[in-house]
C-alpha cells in the first residue's frame, strides 16, 4: 500500500494492492516508505509482522526503533 488516496486507481493496475498498511506488511520482507501520509508515518508495531524488519524510508516519516533495520534516504 502506498498513497491511501490512490488505492482505487492502483487497484485497477494491481489487483493485489493492499487496503491497509498492516495488510501490506503481512508476509513482507521489507517496507519501502515513499509517502509521509499519517497512515504511514504513524506505523510502529505494524513492522513487527515482517520476519526481519527492514524499512527503507524515503520520506523521513518513520521513527527509528529497536529491532528494525532502518535506512533513511534523502538526507
N, C-alpha and C. Protein backbone atom coordinates (compact mmCIF):
# COMPACT_ATOMS: atom_id res chain seq x y z
N UNK A 1 0.84 -1.17 0.00
CA UNK A 1 0.00 0.00 0.00
C UNK A 1 0.88 1.23 0.00
N UNK A 2 0.52 2.16 -0.77
CA UNK A 2 1.25 3.41 -0.82
C UNK A 2 0.36 4.54 -0.38
N UNK A 3 0.13 5.45 -1.26
CA UNK A 3 -0.68 6.62 -1.00
C UNK A 3 -2.14 6.19 -0.78
N UNK A 4 -2.71 6.43 0.42
CA UNK A 4 -4.07 5.97 0.69
C UNK A 4 -5.12 6.61 -0.22
N UNK A 5 -4.82 7.74 -0.81
CA UNK A 5 -5.76 8.39 -1.72
C UNK A 5 -5.78 7.68 -3.07
N UNK A 6 -4.72 6.97 -3.39
CA UNK A 6 -4.58 6.35 -4.71
C UNK A 6 -5.03 4.89 -4.77
N UNK A 7 -5.57 4.36 -3.69
CA UNK A 7 -5.89 2.93 -3.63
C UNK A 7 -6.78 2.48 -4.79
N UNK A 8 -7.86 3.18 -5.07
CA UNK A 8 -8.78 2.77 -6.14
C UNK A 8 -8.07 2.73 -7.49
N UNK A 9 -7.29 3.76 -7.78
CA UNK A 9 -6.57 3.79 -9.06
C UNK A 9 -5.52 2.71 -9.14
N UNK A 10 -4.79 2.49 -8.06
CA UNK A 10 -3.74 1.46 -8.06
C UNK A 10 -4.34 0.06 -8.22
N UNK A 11 -5.48 -0.17 -7.61
CA UNK A 11 -6.10 -1.49 -7.68
C UNK A 11 -6.49 -1.84 -9.12
N UNK A 12 -6.76 -0.83 -9.95
CA UNK A 12 -7.07 -1.10 -11.36
C UNK A 12 -5.88 -1.75 -12.06
N UNK A 13 -4.67 -1.38 -11.65
CA UNK A 13 -3.46 -1.90 -12.28
C UNK A 13 -2.85 -3.05 -11.50
N UNK A 14 -3.07 -3.07 -10.19
CA UNK A 14 -2.51 -4.09 -9.32
C UNK A 14 -3.62 -4.63 -8.41
N UNK A 15 -4.35 -5.65 -8.85
CA UNK A 15 -5.49 -6.16 -8.08
C UNK A 15 -5.13 -6.59 -6.66
N UNK A 16 -3.86 -6.96 -6.42
CA UNK A 16 -3.45 -7.41 -5.10
C UNK A 16 -3.10 -6.25 -4.16
N UNK A 17 -3.26 -5.03 -4.60
CA UNK A 17 -2.95 -3.84 -3.81
C UNK A 17 -3.67 -3.91 -2.48
N UNK A 18 -2.95 -3.75 -1.38
CA UNK A 18 -3.50 -3.90 -0.03
C UNK A 18 -4.39 -2.73 0.36
N UNK A 19 -5.36 -3.02 1.23
CA UNK A 19 -6.27 -1.99 1.73
C UNK A 19 -5.67 -1.18 2.87
N UNK A 20 -4.77 -1.79 3.65
CA UNK A 20 -4.19 -1.12 4.80
C UNK A 20 -2.68 -1.36 4.84
N UNK A 21 -1.94 -0.50 5.54
CA UNK A 21 -0.52 -0.75 5.69
C UNK A 21 -0.23 -2.08 6.39
N UNK A 22 -1.02 -2.42 7.40
CA UNK A 22 -0.82 -3.68 8.11
C UNK A 22 -0.98 -4.87 7.17
N UNK A 23 -1.99 -4.82 6.32
CA UNK A 23 -2.20 -5.89 5.34
C UNK A 23 -1.03 -5.96 4.36
N UNK A 24 -0.51 -4.82 3.96
CA UNK A 24 0.61 -4.80 3.02
C UNK A 24 1.87 -5.37 3.65
N UNK A 25 2.06 -5.18 4.95
CA UNK A 25 3.26 -5.67 5.62
C UNK A 25 3.21 -7.15 5.95
N UNK A 26 2.01 -7.73 6.01
CA UNK A 26 1.88 -9.15 6.32
C UNK A 26 2.61 -9.97 5.26
N UNK A 27 3.54 -10.82 5.68
CA UNK A 27 4.37 -11.66 4.80
C UNK A 27 5.37 -10.87 3.98
N UNK A 28 5.58 -9.60 4.30
CA UNK A 28 6.57 -8.79 3.58
C UNK A 28 7.98 -9.12 4.08
N UNK A 29 8.97 -8.84 3.26
CA UNK A 29 10.36 -9.00 3.68
C UNK A 29 11.00 -7.64 3.95
N UNK A 30 10.35 -6.58 3.53
CA UNK A 30 10.85 -5.23 3.76
C UNK A 30 9.74 -4.24 3.47
N UNK A 31 9.94 -3.00 3.89
CA UNK A 31 8.99 -1.93 3.61
C UNK A 31 9.74 -0.75 3.04
N UNK A 32 9.23 -0.20 1.97
CA UNK A 32 9.78 1.00 1.36
C UNK A 32 8.77 2.12 1.58
N UNK A 33 9.15 3.11 2.33
CA UNK A 33 8.25 4.22 2.65
C UNK A 33 8.53 5.36 1.67
N UNK A 34 7.51 5.71 0.89
CA UNK A 34 7.67 6.76 -0.11
C UNK A 34 6.62 7.86 0.04
N UNK A 35 5.88 7.84 1.12
CA UNK A 35 4.90 8.87 1.40
C UNK A 35 4.92 9.17 2.89
N UNK A 36 4.56 10.38 3.26
CA UNK A 36 4.52 10.70 4.68
C UNK A 36 3.09 10.94 5.17
N UNK A 37 2.14 10.31 4.50
CA UNK A 37 0.75 10.37 4.96
C UNK A 37 0.70 9.87 6.41
N UNK A 38 -0.17 10.43 7.25
CA UNK A 38 -0.26 9.99 8.64
C UNK A 38 -0.48 8.48 8.79
N UNK A 39 -1.24 7.88 7.87
CA UNK A 39 -1.49 6.44 7.94
C UNK A 39 -0.20 5.63 7.85
N UNK A 40 0.81 6.21 7.23
CA UNK A 40 2.10 5.55 7.09
C UNK A 40 3.05 6.00 8.19
N UNK A 41 3.13 7.29 8.42
CA UNK A 41 4.06 7.84 9.41
C UNK A 41 3.76 7.35 10.82
N UNK A 42 2.52 7.01 11.11
CA UNK A 42 2.13 6.56 12.44
C UNK A 42 2.37 5.07 12.68
N UNK A 43 2.91 4.36 11.69
CA UNK A 43 3.16 2.93 11.87
C UNK A 43 4.22 2.72 12.94
N UNK A 44 4.07 1.65 13.71
CA UNK A 44 5.04 1.32 14.75
C UNK A 44 5.13 -0.19 14.86
N UNK A 45 4.30 -0.79 15.71
CA UNK A 45 4.34 -2.24 15.89
C UNK A 45 3.88 -3.00 14.64
N UNK A 46 3.30 -2.30 13.68
CA UNK A 46 2.91 -2.95 12.42
C UNK A 46 4.12 -3.57 11.71
N UNK A 47 5.30 -3.01 11.93
CA UNK A 47 6.51 -3.55 11.32
C UNK A 47 6.90 -4.90 11.93
N UNK A 48 6.35 -5.24 13.08
CA UNK A 48 6.68 -6.50 13.75
C UNK A 48 6.26 -7.73 12.95
N UNK A 49 5.35 -7.57 11.99
CA UNK A 49 4.91 -8.74 11.20
C UNK A 49 5.92 -9.11 10.13
N UNK A 50 6.91 -8.24 9.87
CA UNK A 50 7.95 -8.55 8.90
C UNK A 50 8.95 -9.48 9.59
N UNK A 51 9.30 -10.58 8.95
CA UNK A 51 10.18 -11.58 9.56
C UNK A 51 11.47 -10.95 10.09
N UNK A 52 12.19 -10.25 9.26
CA UNK A 52 13.37 -9.48 9.65
C UNK A 52 13.09 -8.06 9.20
N UNK A 53 12.54 -7.24 10.09
CA UNK A 53 12.08 -5.92 9.67
C UNK A 53 13.17 -5.04 9.06
N UNK A 54 12.99 -4.71 7.79
CA UNK A 54 13.85 -3.79 7.08
C UNK A 54 12.95 -2.68 6.55
N UNK A 55 13.26 -1.46 6.92
CA UNK A 55 12.48 -0.31 6.47
C UNK A 55 13.42 0.66 5.76
N UNK A 56 13.12 0.94 4.51
CA UNK A 56 13.83 1.96 3.75
C UNK A 56 12.88 3.14 3.65
N UNK A 57 13.25 4.23 4.28
CA UNK A 57 12.36 5.38 4.42
C UNK A 57 12.83 6.51 3.52
N UNK A 58 12.08 6.76 2.48
CA UNK A 58 12.42 7.82 1.53
C UNK A 58 11.81 9.16 1.86
N UNK A 59 11.07 9.24 2.96
CA UNK A 59 10.42 10.50 3.32
C UNK A 59 10.75 10.98 4.73
N UNK A 60 11.59 10.23 5.41
CA UNK A 60 11.94 10.52 6.81
C UNK A 60 10.67 10.61 7.65
N UNK A 61 9.78 9.67 7.43
CA UNK A 61 8.48 9.67 8.08
C UNK A 61 8.40 8.72 9.27
N UNK A 62 9.25 7.71 9.28
CA UNK A 62 9.19 6.68 10.31
C UNK A 62 10.28 6.93 11.35
N UNK A 63 9.92 6.80 12.62
CA UNK A 63 10.91 6.92 13.69
C UNK A 63 11.71 5.63 13.78
N UNK A 64 13.02 5.75 13.99
CA UNK A 64 13.86 4.57 14.18
C UNK A 64 13.40 3.84 15.43
N UNK A 65 13.45 2.50 15.40
CA UNK A 65 13.04 1.69 16.53
C UNK A 65 13.98 0.52 16.70
N UNK A 66 14.10 0.02 17.91
CA UNK A 66 14.89 -1.18 18.14
C UNK A 66 14.25 -2.34 17.40
N UNK A 67 15.08 -3.23 16.88
CA UNK A 67 14.58 -4.42 16.22
C UNK A 67 14.29 -4.24 14.74
N UNK A 68 14.49 -3.05 14.21
CA UNK A 68 14.23 -2.78 12.80
C UNK A 68 15.53 -2.32 12.14
N UNK A 69 15.86 -2.92 11.02
CA UNK A 69 16.96 -2.41 10.21
C UNK A 69 16.38 -1.23 9.45
N UNK A 70 16.86 -0.04 9.75
CA UNK A 70 16.28 1.19 9.22
C UNK A 70 17.31 1.91 8.35
N UNK A 71 16.91 2.28 7.16
CA UNK A 71 17.78 3.08 6.30
C UNK A 71 16.99 4.26 5.78
N UNK A 72 17.42 5.45 6.13
CA UNK A 72 16.76 6.66 5.66
C UNK A 72 17.44 7.18 4.40
N UNK A 73 16.65 7.63 3.47
CA UNK A 73 17.17 8.21 2.24
C UNK A 73 16.82 9.68 2.19
N UNK A 74 17.49 10.41 1.37
CA UNK A 74 17.22 11.82 1.05
C UNK A 74 17.68 12.81 2.10
N UNK A 75 18.50 12.40 3.05
CA UNK A 75 19.03 13.38 4.00
C UNK A 75 20.41 13.00 4.45
